[in-house]
Amino acid sequence: MIKISIKKSINWFFLCCILASCGNSDSNVEKKSLSINNCNFDGIKSGDIVLKRGKGKVSKMITDYFKEKVPLSHCGVIVCEPDSTFIVHSVAEGYAPKDGVQTILFKDFLKDCQADYFYVVRKKTSQDRNELFASKALAYSKQNIRFDDDANNADKNEMSCTELIYWCQKDVYDSSDLTTIKIVSKDVFVFNGLLDTSKYDIIKHY
């Protein structure tokens, strides 16, 4: 029992590190960079979902632990306005200007993207519904929702980046396309369900 408890504690600590560090860049290794200038982002729309793998050690830890076919570590919702394009996402305190659900300019989101693992996908439904999806995400960013360190998918009080997608999809489409894996006793959302081409068009892949 003692050994099991220690193992669970270690796994839970590891999970907290994974979730809290989502989107963080902490590697000094030089990798090919993406930017507004070297990629063509014409045609992206509000409600598109952006997925990426970061460049740092933490992103590698996430992808190694999740073991998905396409190794990804972070996601968000695109919002296009006349004067700017930005992402609604959720990041833990210490890795962003504030804790939890917030916005970041699209060009800044690209700074920690590993080439070949950056996707913009669009759900196969009406653009009106996808824009409502974006509006829901933007509304959550204004509610001071903290980052979910406990991986509690049961409510909207706190949200990780994938939980933000989950709740916005539930609000607008009545169901979510995200799948989960079990980590200790928690069902944790993973990313590859959002690359299902029967449900999503892949708009960009860099």
N, C-alpha and C. Protein backbone atom coordinates (compact mmCIF):
# COMPACT_ATOMS: atom_id res chain seq x y z
N MET A 1 0.83 -1.21 0.00
CA MET A 1 0.00 0.00 0.00
C MET A 1 0.86 1.25 0.00
N ILE A 2 1.98 1.23 0.75
CA ILE A 2 2.85 2.40 0.79
C ILE A 2 3.46 2.65 -0.58
N LYS A 3 3.92 1.56 -1.24
CA LYS A 3 4.52 1.72 -2.56
C LYS A 3 3.50 2.26 -3.56
N ILE A 4 2.27 1.77 -3.51
CA ILE A 4 1.22 2.23 -4.41
C ILE A 4 0.93 3.70 -4.17
N SER A 5 0.84 4.09 -2.91
CA SER A 5 0.55 5.49 -2.59
C SER A 5 1.65 6.41 -3.09
N ILE A 6 2.91 5.97 -2.91
CA ILE A 6 4.03 6.78 -3.40
C ILE A 6 3.96 6.91 -4.92
N LYS A 7 3.68 5.80 -5.59
CA LYS A 7 3.59 5.83 -7.06
C LYS A 7 2.49 6.77 -7.51
N LYS A 8 1.33 6.71 -6.85
CA LYS A 8 0.23 7.60 -7.22
C LYS A 8 0.61 9.04 -6.98
N SER A 9 1.30 9.31 -5.89
CA SER A 9 1.71 10.69 -5.59
C SER A 9 2.66 11.21 -6.66
N ILE A 10 3.61 10.36 -7.07
CA ILE A 10 4.56 10.76 -8.10
C ILE A 10 3.83 11.02 -9.41
N ASN A 11 2.92 10.11 -9.78
CA ASN A 11 2.16 10.28 -11.02
C ASN A 11 1.32 11.54 -10.99
N TRP A 12 0.71 11.84 -9.84
CA TRP A 12 -0.13 13.01 -9.71
C TRP A 12 0.71 14.29 -9.79
N PHE A 13 1.88 14.26 -9.18
CA PHE A 13 2.79 15.41 -9.28
C PHE A 13 3.20 15.62 -10.73
N PHE A 14 3.48 14.53 -11.43
CA PHE A 14 3.87 14.61 -12.83
C PHE A 14 2.75 15.19 -13.67
N LEU A 15 1.51 14.74 -13.41
CA LEU A 15 0.35 15.27 -14.13
C LEU A 15 0.21 16.76 -13.92
N CYS A 16 0.35 17.21 -12.70
CA CYS A 16 0.24 18.64 -12.40
C CYS A 16 1.30 19.43 -13.15
N CYS A 17 2.53 18.89 -13.21
CA CYS A 17 3.59 19.56 -13.96
C CYS A 17 3.24 19.66 -15.43
N ILE A 18 2.70 18.57 -15.99
CA ILE A 18 2.31 18.56 -17.39
C ILE A 18 1.26 19.63 -17.67
N LEU A 19 0.19 19.61 -16.90
CA LEU A 19 -0.92 20.52 -17.17
C LEU A 19 -0.54 21.96 -16.91
N ALA A 20 0.17 22.21 -15.84
CA ALA A 20 0.51 23.59 -15.49
C ALA A 20 1.47 24.21 -16.48
N SER A 21 2.28 23.40 -17.13
CA SER A 21 3.30 23.92 -18.02
C SER A 21 2.86 23.95 -19.48
N CYS A 22 1.62 23.62 -19.75
CA CYS A 22 1.13 23.54 -21.12
C CYS A 22 1.39 24.83 -21.87
N GLY A 23 2.10 24.72 -23.01
CA GLY A 23 2.39 25.89 -23.81
C GLY A 23 3.70 26.56 -23.48
N ASN A 24 4.43 26.06 -22.49
CA ASN A 24 5.68 26.70 -22.08
C ASN A 24 6.84 26.31 -22.98
N SER A 25 7.70 27.29 -23.26
CA SER A 25 8.93 27.02 -24.00
C SER A 25 10.11 27.15 -23.05
N ASP A 26 10.89 26.08 -22.89
CA ASP A 26 11.99 26.13 -21.95
C ASP A 26 13.24 25.46 -22.51
N SER A 27 13.34 25.39 -23.82
CA SER A 27 14.48 24.72 -24.42
C SER A 27 15.41 25.72 -25.08
N ASN A 28 16.70 25.48 -24.93
CA ASN A 28 17.69 26.31 -25.61
C ASN A 28 18.08 25.72 -26.97
N VAL A 29 17.51 24.57 -27.31
CA VAL A 29 17.82 23.94 -28.58
C VAL A 29 17.15 24.72 -29.71
N GLU A 30 17.92 25.07 -30.72
CA GLU A 30 17.40 25.85 -31.84
C GLU A 30 16.60 24.94 -32.76
N LYS A 31 15.36 25.31 -33.02
CA LYS A 31 14.50 24.57 -33.93
C LYS A 31 13.90 25.55 -34.93
N LYS A 32 13.49 25.04 -36.08
CA LYS A 32 12.88 25.87 -37.09
C LYS A 32 11.67 26.60 -36.51
N SER A 33 11.59 27.90 -36.76
CA SER A 33 10.53 28.72 -36.19
C SER A 33 9.44 29.00 -37.22
N LEU A 34 8.22 29.13 -36.72
CA LEU A 34 7.10 29.57 -37.54
C LEU A 34 6.82 31.03 -37.23
N SER A 35 6.33 31.75 -38.23
CA SER A 35 5.97 33.14 -38.01
C SER A 35 4.95 33.57 -39.04
N ILE A 36 4.34 34.72 -38.80
CA ILE A 36 3.40 35.29 -39.75
C ILE A 36 4.08 35.49 -41.11
N ASN A 37 5.37 35.78 -41.09
CA ASN A 37 6.09 36.13 -42.31
C ASN A 37 6.48 34.92 -43.15
N ASN A 38 6.71 33.77 -42.51
CA ASN A 38 7.17 32.62 -43.31
C ASN A 38 6.10 31.55 -43.51
N CYS A 39 4.86 31.84 -43.12
CA CYS A 39 3.74 30.92 -43.34
C CYS A 39 2.56 31.70 -43.92
N ASN A 40 1.74 31.02 -44.68
CA ASN A 40 0.55 31.64 -45.25
C ASN A 40 -0.68 31.30 -44.40
N PHE A 41 -1.20 32.29 -43.72
CA PHE A 41 -2.36 32.05 -42.87
C PHE A 41 -3.64 32.67 -43.44
N ASP A 42 -3.63 32.96 -44.73
CA ASP A 42 -4.86 33.44 -45.38
C ASP A 42 -5.94 32.37 -45.25
N GLY A 43 -7.16 32.81 -45.00
CA GLY A 43 -8.27 31.88 -44.98
C GLY A 43 -8.65 31.35 -43.62
N ILE A 44 -7.86 31.64 -42.58
CA ILE A 44 -8.29 31.21 -41.25
C ILE A 44 -9.49 32.03 -40.81
N LYS A 45 -10.34 31.43 -39.99
CA LYS A 45 -11.59 32.08 -39.59
C LYS A 45 -11.82 31.93 -38.09
N SER A 46 -12.66 32.80 -37.56
CA SER A 46 -13.07 32.66 -36.16
C SER A 46 -13.72 31.31 -35.95
N GLY A 47 -13.34 30.67 -34.86
CA GLY A 47 -13.87 29.36 -34.54
C GLY A 47 -12.98 28.22 -34.97
N ASP A 48 -11.97 28.51 -35.80
CA ASP A 48 -10.98 27.49 -36.10
C ASP A 48 -10.21 27.15 -34.82
N ILE A 49 -9.75 25.92 -34.73
CA ILE A 49 -8.98 25.47 -33.57
C ILE A 49 -7.53 25.34 -33.98
N VAL A 50 -6.65 25.84 -33.14
CA VAL A 50 -5.22 25.74 -33.41
C VAL A 50 -4.61 24.74 -32.43
N LEU A 51 -3.76 23.88 -32.97
CA LEU A 51 -3.07 22.86 -32.18
C LEU A 51 -1.59 22.94 -32.47
N LYS A 52 -0.79 22.73 -31.46
CA LYS A 52 0.65 22.81 -31.68
C LYS A 52 1.41 21.90 -30.72
N ARG A 53 2.66 21.67 -31.10
CA ARG A 53 3.64 21.09 -30.19
C ARG A 53 4.68 22.16 -29.92
N GLY A 54 4.91 22.47 -28.66
CA GLY A 54 5.91 23.46 -28.31
C GLY A 54 7.32 22.93 -28.50
N LYS A 55 8.29 23.83 -28.38
CA LYS A 55 9.69 23.47 -28.61
C LYS A 55 10.41 22.93 -27.38
N GLY A 56 9.86 23.17 -26.20
CA GLY A 56 10.61 22.92 -24.98
C GLY A 56 10.53 21.51 -24.43
N LYS A 57 11.25 21.31 -23.33
CA LYS A 57 11.31 20.02 -22.66
C LYS A 57 9.96 19.62 -22.09
N VAL A 58 9.19 20.60 -21.64
CA VAL A 58 7.89 20.28 -21.05
C VAL A 58 6.94 19.76 -22.12
N SER A 59 6.97 20.38 -23.29
CA SER A 59 6.12 19.89 -24.39
C SER A 59 6.50 18.46 -24.76
N LYS A 60 7.79 18.16 -24.75
CA LYS A 60 8.22 16.79 -25.03
C LYS A 60 7.71 15.83 -23.96
N MET A 61 7.73 16.28 -22.70
CA MET A 61 7.23 15.46 -21.62
C MET A 61 5.74 15.15 -21.82
N ILE A 62 4.98 16.16 -22.24
CA ILE A 62 3.54 15.96 -22.50
C ILE A 62 3.34 14.93 -23.61
N THR A 63 4.03 15.13 -24.73
CA THR A 63 3.82 14.24 -25.86
C THR A 63 4.30 12.82 -25.56
N ASP A 64 5.39 12.70 -24.83
CA ASP A 64 5.87 11.36 -24.46
C ASP A 64 4.87 10.65 -23.56
N TYR A 65 4.24 11.40 -22.68
CA TYR A 65 3.31 10.80 -21.73
C TYR A 65 1.97 10.45 -22.38
N PHE A 66 1.48 11.34 -23.27
CA PHE A 66 0.19 11.11 -23.91
C PHE A 66 0.27 10.04 -25.00
N LYS A 67 1.43 9.95 -25.67
CA LYS A 67 1.66 8.91 -26.68
C LYS A 67 0.60 8.91 -27.79
N GLU A 68 0.25 10.09 -28.28
CA GLU A 68 -0.71 10.17 -29.38
C GLU A 68 0.00 9.98 -30.72
N LYS A 69 -0.75 9.62 -31.73
CA LYS A 69 -0.18 9.40 -33.06
C LYS A 69 0.50 10.67 -33.56
N VAL A 70 -0.17 11.81 -33.42
CA VAL A 70 0.43 13.11 -33.72
C VAL A 70 0.74 13.77 -32.39
N PRO A 71 2.01 13.95 -32.05
CA PRO A 71 2.37 14.47 -30.73
C PRO A 71 2.14 15.97 -30.61
N LEU A 72 1.13 16.34 -29.85
CA LEU A 72 0.74 17.74 -29.65
C LEU A 72 0.71 18.06 -28.16
N SER A 73 0.85 19.35 -27.83
CA SER A 73 0.93 19.71 -26.41
C SER A 73 0.07 20.91 -26.01
N HIS A 74 -0.57 21.59 -26.96
CA HIS A 74 -1.35 22.77 -26.59
C HIS A 74 -2.38 23.07 -27.67
N CYS A 75 -3.43 23.80 -27.29
CA CYS A 75 -4.49 24.14 -28.24
C CYS A 75 -5.19 25.42 -27.83
N GLY A 76 -5.94 26.00 -28.77
CA GLY A 76 -6.70 27.21 -28.50
C GLY A 76 -7.71 27.46 -29.60
N VAL A 77 -8.44 28.55 -29.46
CA VAL A 77 -9.51 28.91 -30.39
C VAL A 77 -9.16 30.23 -31.07
N ILE A 78 -9.24 30.26 -32.39
CA ILE A 78 -8.92 31.47 -33.14
C ILE A 78 -10.11 32.43 -33.15
N VAL A 79 -9.81 33.71 -32.92
CA VAL A 79 -10.80 34.78 -33.04
C VAL A 79 -10.23 35.82 -34.00
N CYS A 80 -10.97 36.09 -35.08
CA CYS A 80 -10.54 37.08 -36.07
C CYS A 80 -11.38 38.33 -35.93
N GLU A 81 -10.72 39.44 -35.71
CA GLU A 81 -11.39 40.73 -35.65
C GLU A 81 -10.77 41.64 -36.71
N PRO A 82 -11.44 42.74 -37.05
CA PRO A 82 -10.94 43.59 -38.15
C PRO A 82 -9.50 44.05 -37.98
N ASP A 83 -9.07 44.30 -36.74
CA ASP A 83 -7.74 44.85 -36.52
C ASP A 83 -6.75 43.86 -35.93
N SER A 84 -7.16 42.63 -35.66
CA SER A 84 -6.23 41.66 -35.08
C SER A 84 -6.79 40.24 -35.15
N THR A 85 -5.87 39.29 -35.06
CA THR A 85 -6.23 37.87 -34.94
C THR A 85 -5.55 37.34 -33.70
N PHE A 86 -6.32 36.70 -32.84
CA PHE A 86 -5.75 36.21 -31.60
C PHE A 86 -6.31 34.84 -31.24
N ILE A 87 -5.73 34.26 -30.22
CA ILE A 87 -6.09 32.92 -29.75
C ILE A 87 -6.62 33.02 -28.34
N VAL A 88 -7.71 32.32 -28.06
CA VAL A 88 -8.17 32.12 -26.69
C VAL A 88 -7.64 30.76 -26.24
N HIS A 89 -6.93 30.73 -25.13
CA HIS A 89 -6.37 29.48 -24.62
C HIS A 89 -6.30 29.57 -23.10
N SER A 90 -5.83 28.50 -22.47
CA SER A 90 -5.67 28.51 -21.01
C SER A 90 -4.27 28.05 -20.66
N VAL A 91 -3.60 28.85 -19.83
CA VAL A 91 -2.23 28.58 -19.41
C VAL A 91 -2.12 28.87 -17.92
N ALA A 92 -1.26 28.13 -17.25
CA ALA A 92 -1.10 28.31 -15.81
C ALA A 92 -0.28 29.56 -15.49
N GLU A 93 -0.51 30.09 -14.31
CA GLU A 93 0.23 31.25 -13.82
C GLU A 93 1.73 30.94 -13.82
N GLY A 94 2.50 31.91 -14.24
CA GLY A 94 3.94 31.72 -14.33
C GLY A 94 4.41 31.47 -15.75
N TYR A 95 3.48 31.07 -16.62
CA TYR A 95 3.81 30.82 -18.02
C TYR A 95 3.11 31.80 -18.95
N ALA A 96 2.39 32.76 -18.39
CA ALA A 96 1.62 33.73 -19.17
C ALA A 96 1.36 34.95 -18.30
N PRO A 97 0.86 36.05 -18.88
CA PRO A 97 0.60 37.25 -18.10
C PRO A 97 -0.36 37.05 -16.92
N LYS A 98 -1.28 36.08 -17.06
CA LYS A 98 -2.19 35.78 -15.95
C LYS A 98 -2.49 34.30 -15.94
N ASP A 99 -3.14 33.85 -14.89
CA ASP A 99 -3.48 32.44 -14.75
C ASP A 99 -4.81 32.14 -15.43
N GLY A 100 -4.87 31.05 -16.19
CA GLY A 100 -6.14 30.57 -16.70
C GLY A 100 -6.47 31.00 -18.11
N VAL A 101 -7.78 31.09 -18.38
CA VAL A 101 -8.28 31.38 -19.73
C VAL A 101 -7.98 32.83 -20.09
N GLN A 102 -7.35 33.03 -21.23
CA GLN A 102 -6.88 34.35 -21.64
C GLN A 102 -6.67 34.39 -23.14
N THR A 103 -6.30 35.55 -23.66
CA THR A 103 -6.04 35.70 -25.08
C THR A 103 -4.56 35.98 -25.32
N ILE A 104 -4.12 35.63 -26.52
CA ILE A 104 -2.75 35.91 -26.95
C ILE A 104 -2.82 36.21 -28.45
N LEU A 105 -2.05 37.17 -28.91
CA LEU A 105 -2.01 37.46 -30.33
C LEU A 105 -1.53 36.25 -31.11
N PHE A 106 -2.11 36.04 -32.26
CA PHE A 106 -1.77 34.89 -33.10
C PHE A 106 -0.27 34.85 -33.37
N LYS A 107 0.34 35.99 -33.68
CA LYS A 107 1.76 36.03 -34.00
C LYS A 107 2.62 35.62 -32.81
N ASP A 108 2.15 35.93 -31.60
CA ASP A 108 2.91 35.55 -30.40
C ASP A 108 2.73 34.07 -30.08
N PHE A 109 1.56 33.53 -30.38
CA PHE A 109 1.29 32.11 -30.17
C PHE A 109 2.25 31.26 -31.01
N LEU A 110 2.66 31.79 -32.16
CA LEU A 110 3.52 31.04 -33.07
C LEU A 110 4.96 30.90 -32.57
N LYS A 111 5.35 31.73 -31.63
CA LYS A 111 6.75 31.77 -31.21
C LYS A 111 7.23 30.46 -30.59
N ASP A 112 6.33 29.73 -29.98
CA ASP A 112 6.70 28.45 -29.35
C ASP A 112 6.05 27.29 -30.09
N CYS A 113 6.20 27.25 -31.40
CA CYS A 113 5.63 26.17 -32.21
C CYS A 113 6.73 25.39 -32.90
N GLN A 114 6.70 24.09 -32.75
CA GLN A 114 7.66 23.24 -33.44
C GLN A 114 7.15 22.96 -34.84
N ALA A 115 7.98 23.23 -35.84
CA ALA A 115 7.59 23.00 -37.23
C ALA A 115 7.17 21.55 -37.45
N ASP A 116 6.19 21.37 -38.33
CA ASP A 116 5.57 20.08 -38.68
C ASP A 116 4.50 19.65 -37.69
N TYR A 117 4.37 20.37 -36.58
CA TYR A 117 3.37 20.01 -35.57
C TYR A 117 2.49 21.21 -35.22
N PHE A 118 2.14 21.98 -36.22
CA PHE A 118 1.23 23.11 -36.04
C PHE A 118 0.05 22.92 -37.00
N TYR A 119 -1.15 22.94 -36.44
CA TYR A 119 -2.36 22.71 -37.23
C TYR A 119 -3.41 23.77 -36.94
N VAL A 120 -4.14 24.15 -38.00
CA VAL A 120 -5.39 24.89 -37.84
C VAL A 120 -6.47 24.01 -38.44
N VAL A 121 -7.48 23.68 -37.63
CA VAL A 121 -8.55 22.79 -38.09
C VAL A 121 -9.90 23.50 -37.94
N ARG A 122 -10.85 23.08 -38.75
CA ARG A 122 -12.19 23.69 -38.73
C ARG A 122 -13.24 22.61 -38.67
N LYS A 123 -14.12 22.70 -37.70
CA LYS A 123 -15.19 21.71 -37.57
C LYS A 123 -16.12 21.79 -38.77
N LYS A 124 -16.54 20.63 -39.26
CA LYS A 124 -17.42 20.57 -40.42
C LYS A 124 -18.85 20.85 -40.01
N THR A 125 -19.15 22.12 -39.91
CA THR A 125 -20.49 22.59 -39.58
C THR A 125 -20.61 23.98 -40.17
N SER A 126 -21.69 24.69 -39.90
CA SER A 126 -21.86 26.02 -40.47
C SER A 126 -20.88 27.01 -39.84
N GLN A 127 -20.52 28.04 -40.61
CA GLN A 127 -19.62 29.05 -40.07
C GLN A 127 -20.30 29.82 -38.94
N ASP A 128 -21.61 29.95 -39.00
CA ASP A 128 -22.32 30.63 -37.90
C ASP A 128 -22.10 29.91 -36.58
N ARG A 129 -22.15 28.58 -36.61
CA ARG A 129 -21.94 27.82 -35.38
C ARG A 129 -20.49 27.91 -34.93
N ASN A 130 -19.57 27.89 -35.88
CA ASN A 130 -18.17 28.01 -35.51
C ASN A 130 -17.85 29.38 -34.93
N GLU A 131 -18.50 30.41 -35.45
CA GLU A 131 -18.29 31.75 -34.88
C GLU A 131 -18.91 31.86 -33.48
N LEU A 132 -20.01 31.15 -33.26
CA LEU A 132 -20.58 31.10 -31.92
C LEU A 132 -19.63 30.37 -30.96
N PHE A 133 -18.98 29.34 -31.46
CA PHE A 133 -17.96 28.62 -30.70
C PHE A 133 -16.84 29.57 -30.27
N ALA A 134 -16.39 30.41 -31.21
CA ALA A 134 -15.35 31.40 -30.89
C ALA A 134 -15.85 32.41 -29.87
N SER A 135 -17.09 32.83 -30.02
CA SER A 135 -17.67 33.80 -29.07
C SER A 135 -17.74 33.23 -27.66
N LYS A 136 -18.05 31.93 -27.56
CA LYS A 136 -18.09 31.28 -26.25
C LYS A 136 -16.71 31.29 -25.60
N ALA A 137 -15.69 30.97 -26.41
CA ALA A 137 -14.33 30.97 -25.89
C ALA A 137 -13.93 32.36 -25.42
N LEU A 138 -14.26 33.37 -26.22
CA LEU A 138 -13.92 34.75 -25.86
C LEU A 138 -14.64 35.16 -24.57
N ALA A 139 -15.89 34.73 -24.44
CA ALA A 139 -16.65 35.05 -23.21
C ALA A 139 -15.98 34.42 -21.99
N TYR A 140 -15.51 33.18 -22.11
CA TYR A 140 -14.81 32.53 -20.99
C TYR A 140 -13.54 33.29 -20.62
N SER A 141 -12.88 33.89 -21.62
CA SER A 141 -11.63 34.61 -21.34
C SER A 141 -11.86 35.86 -20.50
N LYS A 142 -13.10 36.30 -20.41
CA LYS A 142 -13.44 37.51 -19.65
C LYS A 142 -14.03 37.20 -18.28
N GLN A 143 -14.02 35.92 -17.90
CA GLN A 143 -14.67 35.51 -16.65
C GLN A 143 -13.67 35.16 -15.54
N ASN A 144 -12.40 35.46 -15.75
CA ASN A 144 -11.38 35.17 -14.73
C ASN A 144 -11.39 33.71 -14.29
N ILE A 145 -11.48 32.83 -15.27
CA ILE A 145 -11.45 31.39 -15.01
C ILE A 145 -10.01 30.94 -14.85
N ARG A 146 -9.69 30.38 -13.70
CA ARG A 146 -8.33 29.97 -13.41
C ARG A 146 -7.98 28.66 -14.12
N PHE A 147 -6.67 28.40 -14.20
CA PHE A 147 -6.20 27.16 -14.81
C PHE A 147 -6.56 25.98 -13.90
N ASP A 148 -6.94 24.87 -14.51
CA ASP A 148 -7.36 23.68 -13.75
C ASP A 148 -6.17 22.80 -13.42
N ASP A 149 -5.57 23.03 -12.28
CA ASP A 149 -4.42 22.22 -11.84
C ASP A 149 -4.83 20.81 -11.44
N ASP A 150 -6.12 20.60 -11.16
CA ASP A 150 -6.59 19.31 -10.66
C ASP A 150 -7.16 18.40 -11.74
N ALA A 151 -7.16 18.86 -12.99
CA ALA A 151 -7.72 18.05 -14.10
C ALA A 151 -9.12 17.58 -13.80
N ASN A 152 -9.95 18.49 -13.31
CA ASN A 152 -11.34 18.19 -12.99
C ASN A 152 -12.22 18.61 -14.16
N ASN A 153 -12.64 17.63 -14.95
CA ASN A 153 -13.43 17.93 -16.15
C ASN A 153 -14.92 18.09 -15.88
N ALA A 154 -15.32 18.01 -14.63
CA ALA A 154 -16.75 17.95 -14.30
C ALA A 154 -17.44 19.30 -14.31
N ASP A 155 -16.69 20.41 -14.22
CA ASP A 155 -17.34 21.72 -14.18
C ASP A 155 -16.47 22.76 -14.86
N LYS A 156 -17.03 23.97 -14.96
CA LYS A 156 -16.37 25.06 -15.68
C LYS A 156 -15.64 26.04 -14.75
N ASN A 157 -15.49 25.70 -13.50
CA ASN A 157 -14.89 26.63 -12.54
C ASN A 157 -13.43 26.90 -12.86
N GLU A 158 -12.73 25.90 -13.35
CA GLU A 158 -11.34 26.03 -13.77
C GLU A 158 -11.18 25.24 -15.06
N MET A 159 -10.26 25.66 -15.93
CA MET A 159 -10.11 25.00 -17.23
C MET A 159 -8.66 24.92 -17.66
N SER A 160 -8.28 23.77 -18.21
CA SER A 160 -7.03 23.63 -18.96
C SER A 160 -7.32 24.02 -20.41
N CYS A 161 -6.30 23.96 -21.27
CA CYS A 161 -6.53 24.34 -22.67
C CYS A 161 -7.53 23.40 -23.35
N THR A 162 -7.43 22.10 -23.08
CA THR A 162 -8.38 21.16 -23.68
C THR A 162 -9.76 21.25 -23.06
N GLU A 163 -9.83 21.55 -21.78
CA GLU A 163 -11.13 21.72 -21.14
C GLU A 163 -11.87 22.93 -21.71
N LEU A 164 -11.14 23.97 -22.08
CA LEU A 164 -11.76 25.12 -22.73
C LEU A 164 -12.44 24.68 -24.03
N ILE A 165 -11.73 23.89 -24.84
CA ILE A 165 -12.32 23.38 -26.08
C ILE A 165 -13.54 22.52 -25.77
N TYR A 166 -13.40 21.65 -24.79
CA TYR A 166 -14.49 20.74 -24.41
C TYR A 166 -15.76 21.51 -24.06
N TRP A 167 -15.64 22.50 -23.18
CA TRP A 167 -16.83 23.20 -22.73
C TRP A 167 -17.43 24.09 -23.81
N CYS A 168 -16.60 24.69 -24.64
CA CYS A 168 -17.13 25.48 -25.75
C CYS A 168 -17.88 24.59 -26.74
N GLN A 169 -17.32 23.41 -26.99
CA GLN A 169 -18.02 22.48 -27.89
C GLN A 169 -19.33 21.99 -27.29
N LYS A 170 -19.32 21.68 -26.02
CA LYS A 170 -20.56 21.26 -25.36
C LYS A 170 -21.60 22.36 -25.42
N ASP A 171 -21.18 23.61 -25.21
CA ASP A 171 -22.11 24.74 -25.23
C ASP A 171 -22.75 24.93 -26.59
N VAL A 172 -21.96 24.76 -27.65
CA VAL A 172 -22.43 25.11 -28.99
C VAL A 172 -22.93 23.91 -29.78
N TYR A 173 -22.19 22.79 -29.71
CA TYR A 173 -22.52 21.63 -30.54
C TYR A 173 -23.22 20.52 -29.75
N ASP A 174 -23.35 20.70 -28.43
CA ASP A 174 -23.99 19.73 -27.53
C ASP A 174 -23.13 18.51 -27.21
N SER A 175 -21.99 18.36 -27.88
CA SER A 175 -21.07 17.26 -27.57
C SER A 175 -19.67 17.71 -27.95
N SER A 176 -18.67 16.98 -27.45
CA SER A 176 -17.29 17.31 -27.75
C SER A 176 -16.61 16.17 -28.50
N ASP A 177 -15.66 16.52 -29.33
CA ASP A 177 -14.91 15.53 -30.10
C ASP A 177 -13.62 15.09 -29.41
N LEU A 178 -13.35 15.63 -28.24
CA LEU A 178 -12.14 15.27 -27.51
C LEU A 178 -12.28 13.89 -26.87
N THR A 179 -11.18 13.17 -26.81
CA THR A 179 -11.14 11.89 -26.10
C THR A 179 -10.25 12.04 -24.88
N THR A 180 -10.26 11.04 -24.02
CA THR A 180 -9.50 11.11 -22.78
C THR A 180 -8.58 9.89 -22.63
N ILE A 181 -7.57 10.07 -21.79
CA ILE A 181 -6.78 8.95 -21.30
C ILE A 181 -6.81 9.00 -19.78
N LYS A 182 -6.55 7.89 -19.15
CA LYS A 182 -6.55 7.81 -17.70
C LYS A 182 -5.15 8.08 -17.16
N ILE A 183 -5.04 9.06 -16.28
CA ILE A 183 -3.79 9.33 -15.58
C ILE A 183 -4.11 9.30 -14.09
N VAL A 184 -3.54 8.34 -13.39
CA VAL A 184 -3.90 8.04 -12.00
C VAL A 184 -5.41 7.78 -11.99
N SER A 185 -6.20 8.59 -11.32
CA SER A 185 -7.65 8.37 -11.30
C SER A 185 -8.39 9.39 -12.15
N LYS A 186 -7.66 10.17 -12.94
CA LYS A 186 -8.26 11.27 -13.69
C LYS A 186 -8.40 10.92 -15.17
N ASP A 187 -9.53 11.33 -15.76
CA ASP A 187 -9.69 11.27 -17.21
C ASP A 187 -9.21 12.60 -17.78
N VAL A 188 -8.11 12.56 -18.50
CA VAL A 188 -7.47 13.77 -19.01
C VAL A 188 -7.67 13.86 -20.52
N PHE A 189 -8.14 15.01 -20.98
CA PHE A 189 -8.36 15.20 -22.41
C PHE A 189 -7.04 15.23 -23.17
N VAL A 190 -7.04 14.58 -24.35
CA VAL A 190 -5.89 14.62 -25.25
C VAL A 190 -6.33 15.26 -26.57
N PHE A 191 -5.42 15.40 -27.52
CA PHE A 191 -5.62 16.31 -28.63
C PHE A 191 -6.09 15.70 -29.95
N ASN A 192 -5.72 14.46 -30.23
CA ASN A 192 -5.85 13.96 -31.61
C ASN A 192 -7.26 13.79 -32.12
N GLY A 193 -8.26 13.79 -31.24
CA GLY A 193 -9.64 13.76 -31.70
C GLY A 193 -9.99 14.96 -32.57
N LEU A 194 -9.23 16.04 -32.40
CA LEU A 194 -9.47 17.26 -33.18
C LEU A 194 -8.81 17.20 -34.56
N LEU A 195 -8.13 16.10 -34.87
CA LEU A 195 -7.56 15.89 -36.20
C LEU A 195 -8.33 14.84 -36.99
N ASP A 196 -9.49 14.44 -36.50
CA ASP A 196 -10.33 13.46 -37.17
C ASP A 196 -10.92 14.10 -38.43
N THR A 197 -10.45 13.68 -39.60
CA THR A 197 -10.86 14.33 -40.85
C THR A 197 -12.30 14.02 -41.26
N SER A 198 -12.97 13.12 -40.57
CA SER A 198 -14.39 12.93 -40.81
C SER A 198 -15.21 14.05 -40.15
N LYS A 199 -14.58 14.76 -39.20
CA LYS A 199 -15.26 15.83 -38.46
C LYS A 199 -14.63 17.20 -38.67
N TYR A 200 -13.38 17.22 -39.14
CA TYR A 200 -12.63 18.48 -39.26
C TYR A 200 -11.94 18.58 -40.61
N ASP A 201 -11.92 19.80 -41.14
CA ASP A 201 -11.06 20.11 -42.27
C ASP A 201 -9.74 20.64 -41.71
N ILE A 202 -8.63 20.14 -42.25
CA ILE A 202 -7.33 20.67 -41.86
C ILE A 202 -7.03 21.86 -42.77
N ILE A 203 -7.10 23.04 -42.20
CA ILE A 203 -6.97 24.28 -42.96
C ILE A 203 -5.50 24.63 -43.19
N LYS A 204 -4.67 24.44 -42.17
CA LYS A 204 -3.24 24.72 -42.26
C LYS A 204 -2.47 23.65 -41.52
N HIS A 205 -1.30 23.32 -42.06
CA HIS A 205 -0.40 22.40 -41.38
C HIS A 205 1.02 22.84 -41.71
N TYR A 206 1.75 23.29 -40.71
CA TYR A 206 3.13 23.74 -40.90
C TYR A 206 4.04 23.03 -39.90
